[in-house]
Amino acid sequence: MIFLAMIDTPEDRRQFEILYEKYRYLMQRVAWDVLRDGFLAEDAVHNAFVNLAKHMDDIEDTDSLRTKRYLITIVKNSAVDLYRKRNIQARREVYLEELEETDLPRTYAETDLENAVLDILKNLPAKYRDIFLLKYSSHLDNHEIARLCGISEGTVRQRISRGKALIEKKLEELETGEHGENHSNG
């Protein structure tokens, strides 16, 4: 295990091995719950163990509930980070070779609209943006989002509602701005 090279003392190395053997499958399930992709879940677990190797002094007892929660938190955060990175990359990719020539003008117009919507989402306050990503990109239900974020389902519903209102307002502003330009030109 490459992780062991990052750990200084033999006692910490042994403790790390115990944690790895005991919790890696649980951590894999937690990461899969967020990412819904086995390979990405493995990456999240790997990143979590790298993080753990750097912070072995935070672990006192390998069997404690505190340690289990700590590992779950680390892997959950790692999975959410990967999720965000994956979505940012996916939004930026355009597969031109898959487009037919007759679709190009319409596709570019759709891409402009999608980019505008993505800009609106990107500029939403983080508390709304994160909920939207979990709800509409990860397809998690409100209960799962509440559990992941450590908030109530009512708060999740409220943030979705307020986020939608903000998005609608920004879309109306965009629409009005575009129509205003068209009227002044014509």
Protein backbone atom coordinates (compact mmCIF):
# COMPACT_ATOMS: atom_id res chain seq x y z
CA MET A 1 0.00 0.00 0.00
CA ILE A 2 1.46 3.29 -1.19
CA PHE A 3 -0.34 5.10 1.62
CA LEU A 4 2.03 3.60 4.18
CA ALA A 5 4.96 5.55 2.73
CA MET A 6 3.18 8.72 3.86
CA ILE A 7 3.01 7.57 7.49
CA ASP A 8 5.96 8.05 9.84
CA THR A 9 5.67 5.62 12.74
CA PRO A 10 5.20 1.83 12.67
CA GLU A 11 2.29 2.17 15.13
CA ASP A 12 0.48 4.61 12.83
CA ARG A 13 1.15 2.32 9.85
CA ARG A 14 -0.39 -0.64 11.66
CA GLN A 15 -3.34 1.49 12.74
CA PHE A 16 -3.80 2.67 9.15
CA GLU A 17 -3.80 -0.94 7.89
CA ILE A 18 -6.47 -1.82 10.43
CA LEU A 19 -8.60 1.16 9.39
CA TYR A 20 -8.16 0.28 5.71
CA GLU A 21 -9.21 -3.34 6.19
CA LYS A 22 -12.06 -2.50 8.54
CA TYR A 23 -13.66 0.49 6.76
CA ARG A 24 -12.78 0.45 3.06
CA TYR A 25 -15.97 -1.35 2.00
CA LEU A 26 -18.16 0.95 4.08
CA MET A 27 -16.34 3.93 2.59
CA GLN A 28 -16.83 2.45 -0.90
CA ARG A 29 -20.61 2.25 -0.29
CA VAL A 30 -20.76 5.83 1.01
CA ALA A 31 -18.86 7.09 -2.04
CA TRP A 32 -21.06 5.05 -4.38
CA ASP A 33 -24.18 6.54 -2.77
CA VAL A 34 -22.93 9.99 -3.76
CA LEU A 35 -21.40 9.23 -7.15
CA ARG A 36 -23.39 6.23 -8.47
CA ASP A 37 -20.23 5.12 -10.29
CA GLY A 38 -17.95 2.33 -9.10
CA PHE A 39 -14.73 3.70 -10.59
CA LEU A 40 -15.31 7.20 -9.25
CA ALA A 41 -16.24 5.73 -5.87
CA GLU A 42 -12.88 3.90 -5.82
CA ASP A 43 -11.14 7.20 -6.61
CA ALA A 44 -13.02 8.90 -3.78
CA VAL A 45 -11.99 6.16 -1.33
CA HIS A 46 -8.38 6.42 -2.52
CA ASN A 47 -8.41 10.20 -2.01
CA ALA A 48 -9.99 9.74 1.40
CA PHE A 49 -7.23 7.35 2.47
CA VAL A 50 -4.57 9.77 1.21
CA ASN A 51 -6.22 12.42 3.37
CA LEU A 52 -6.38 10.01 6.31
CA ALA A 53 -2.68 9.16 5.96
CA LYS A 54 -1.90 12.85 6.38
CA HIS A 55 -4.02 13.07 9.53
CA MET A 56 -3.33 9.83 11.38
CA ASP A 57 -2.75 11.74 14.63
CA ASP A 58 -6.50 12.53 14.64
CA ILE A 59 -7.29 8.83 15.15
CA GLU A 60 -7.27 7.50 18.69
CA ASP A 61 -9.28 4.27 18.60
CA THR A 62 -9.87 2.33 15.38
CA ASP A 63 -13.11 0.84 16.74
CA SER A 64 -14.75 4.01 18.04
CA LEU A 65 -17.89 5.55 16.59
CA ARG A 66 -15.99 8.85 16.35
CA THR A 67 -13.40 7.24 14.04
CA LYS A 68 -16.12 5.67 11.89
CA ARG A 69 -17.89 9.03 11.54
CA TYR A 70 -14.58 10.74 10.75
CA LEU A 71 -13.85 8.28 7.93
CA ILE A 72 -17.38 8.57 6.55
CA THR A 73 -17.07 12.36 6.55
CA ILE A 74 -13.71 12.24 4.78
CA VAL A 75 -14.95 9.90 2.05
CA LYS A 76 -18.24 11.79 1.64
CA ASN A 77 -16.36 15.06 1.15
CA SER A 78 -13.98 13.37 -1.27
CA ALA A 79 -16.92 11.96 -3.25
CA VAL A 80 -18.69 15.32 -3.39
CA ASP A 81 -15.46 16.96 -4.61
CA LEU A 82 -15.14 14.36 -7.38
CA TYR A 83 -18.81 14.80 -8.22
CA ARG A 84 -18.36 18.54 -8.64
CA LYS A 85 -15.22 18.14 -10.75
CA ARG A 86 -16.93 15.55 -12.96
CA ASN A 87 -19.93 17.81 -13.55
CA ILE A 88 -17.76 20.80 -14.39
CA GLN A 89 -15.83 18.72 -16.92
CA ALA A 90 -18.99 17.22 -18.41
CA ARG A 91 -20.54 20.65 -18.89
CA ARG A 92 -17.50 21.88 -20.79
CA GLU A 93 -17.25 18.94 -23.18
CA VAL A 94 -18.80 19.33 -26.60
CA TYR A 95 -18.77 16.35 -28.92
CA LEU A 96 -18.73 18.06 -32.32
CA GLU A 97 -17.99 14.82 -34.15
CA GLU A 98 -21.36 13.49 -33.02
CA LEU A 99 -23.29 16.43 -34.48
CA GLU A 100 -24.77 16.30 -37.93
CA GLU A 101 -24.14 19.33 -40.14
CA THR A 102 -27.84 20.16 -40.27
CA ASP A 103 -27.95 20.34 -36.47
CA LEU A 104 -25.08 22.81 -36.07
CA PRO A 105 -26.99 26.14 -35.90
CA ARG A 106 -29.62 24.79 -33.53
CA THR A 107 -27.00 23.05 -31.40
CA TYR A 108 -24.93 26.21 -31.05
CA ALA A 109 -28.04 28.14 -30.00
CA GLU A 110 -28.87 25.44 -27.46
CA THR A 111 -25.28 25.53 -26.22
CA ASP A 112 -25.53 29.31 -25.72
CA LEU A 113 -28.71 28.86 -23.69
CA GLU A 114 -27.16 26.00 -21.72
CA ASN A 115 -24.09 28.12 -21.03
CA ALA A 116 -26.31 30.96 -19.79
CA VAL A 117 -28.17 28.57 -17.50
CA LEU A 118 -24.88 27.09 -16.29
CA ASP A 119 -23.58 30.58 -15.56
CA ILE A 120 -26.71 31.28 -13.54
CA LEU A 121 -26.25 28.02 -11.61
CA LYS A 122 -22.55 28.69 -11.11
CA ASN A 123 -23.34 32.10 -9.62
CA LEU A 124 -26.07 30.87 -7.28
CA PRO A 125 -25.18 30.98 -3.60
CA ALA A 126 -23.40 27.74 -2.67
CA LYS A 127 -26.18 26.55 -0.37
CA TYR A 128 -28.64 26.52 -3.30
CA ARG A 129 -26.16 25.39 -5.97
CA ASP A 130 -25.01 22.35 -3.99
CA ILE A 131 -28.58 21.23 -3.34
CA PHE A 132 -29.40 21.63 -7.05
CA LEU A 133 -26.38 19.57 -8.07
CA LEU A 134 -27.29 16.77 -5.71
CA LYS A 135 -30.98 16.86 -6.70
CA TYR A 136 -30.79 17.24 -10.47
CA SER A 137 -27.37 15.90 -11.44
CA SER A 138 -26.99 13.08 -8.92
CA HIS A 139 -30.74 12.42 -8.91
CA LEU A 140 -30.78 12.11 -5.12
CA ASP A 141 -34.08 12.45 -3.30
CA ASN A 142 -34.66 15.07 -0.62
CA HIS A 143 -34.09 12.57 2.20
CA GLU A 144 -30.67 11.55 0.81
CA ILE A 145 -29.67 15.19 0.27
CA ALA A 146 -30.70 16.09 3.81
CA ARG A 147 -28.68 13.18 5.19
CA LEU A 148 -25.62 14.07 3.08
CA CYS A 149 -25.70 17.77 3.94
CA GLY A 150 -26.69 17.36 7.57
CA ILE A 151 -29.85 19.45 7.20
CA SER A 152 -33.58 18.72 7.43
CA GLU A 153 -35.71 17.70 4.46
CA GLY A 154 -37.73 20.88 4.96
CA THR A 155 -34.56 22.92 4.51
CA VAL A 156 -33.77 20.97 1.34
CA ARG A 157 -37.25 21.72 -0.06
CA GLN A 158 -36.94 25.37 0.93
CA ARG A 159 -33.53 25.73 -0.76
CA ILE A 160 -34.80 24.07 -3.94
CA SER A 161 -37.80 26.41 -4.00
CA ARG A 162 -35.72 29.53 -3.35
CA GLY A 163 -33.07 28.40 -5.83
CA LYS A 164 -35.71 27.90 -8.52
CA ALA A 165 -37.07 31.39 -7.84
CA LEU A 166 -33.58 32.88 -8.21
CA ILE A 167 -32.99 30.97 -11.45
CA GLU A 168 -36.37 32.03 -12.88
CA LYS A 169 -35.63 35.65 -12.01
CA LYS A 170 -32.22 35.52 -13.72
CA LEU A 171 -33.71 33.81 -16.81
CA GLU A 172 -36.38 36.51 -17.04
CA GLU A 173 -33.65 39.15 -16.80
CA LEU A 174 -31.75 37.44 -19.62
CA GLU A 175 -34.89 37.12 -21.72
CA THR A 176 -35.85 40.75 -21.14
CA GLY A 177 -32.32 41.90 -21.95
CA GLU A 178 -32.32 39.94 -25.22
CA HIS A 179 -35.80 41.12 -26.20
CA GLY A 180 -34.89 44.70 -25.33
CA GLU A 181 -31.93 44.51 -27.72
CA ASN A 182 -34.10 43.06 -30.46
CA HIS A 183 -36.67 45.86 -30.11
CA SER A 184 -34.05 48.58 -30.22
CA ASN A 185 -32.48 47.07 -33.36
CA GLY A 186 -35.75 46.71 -35.22
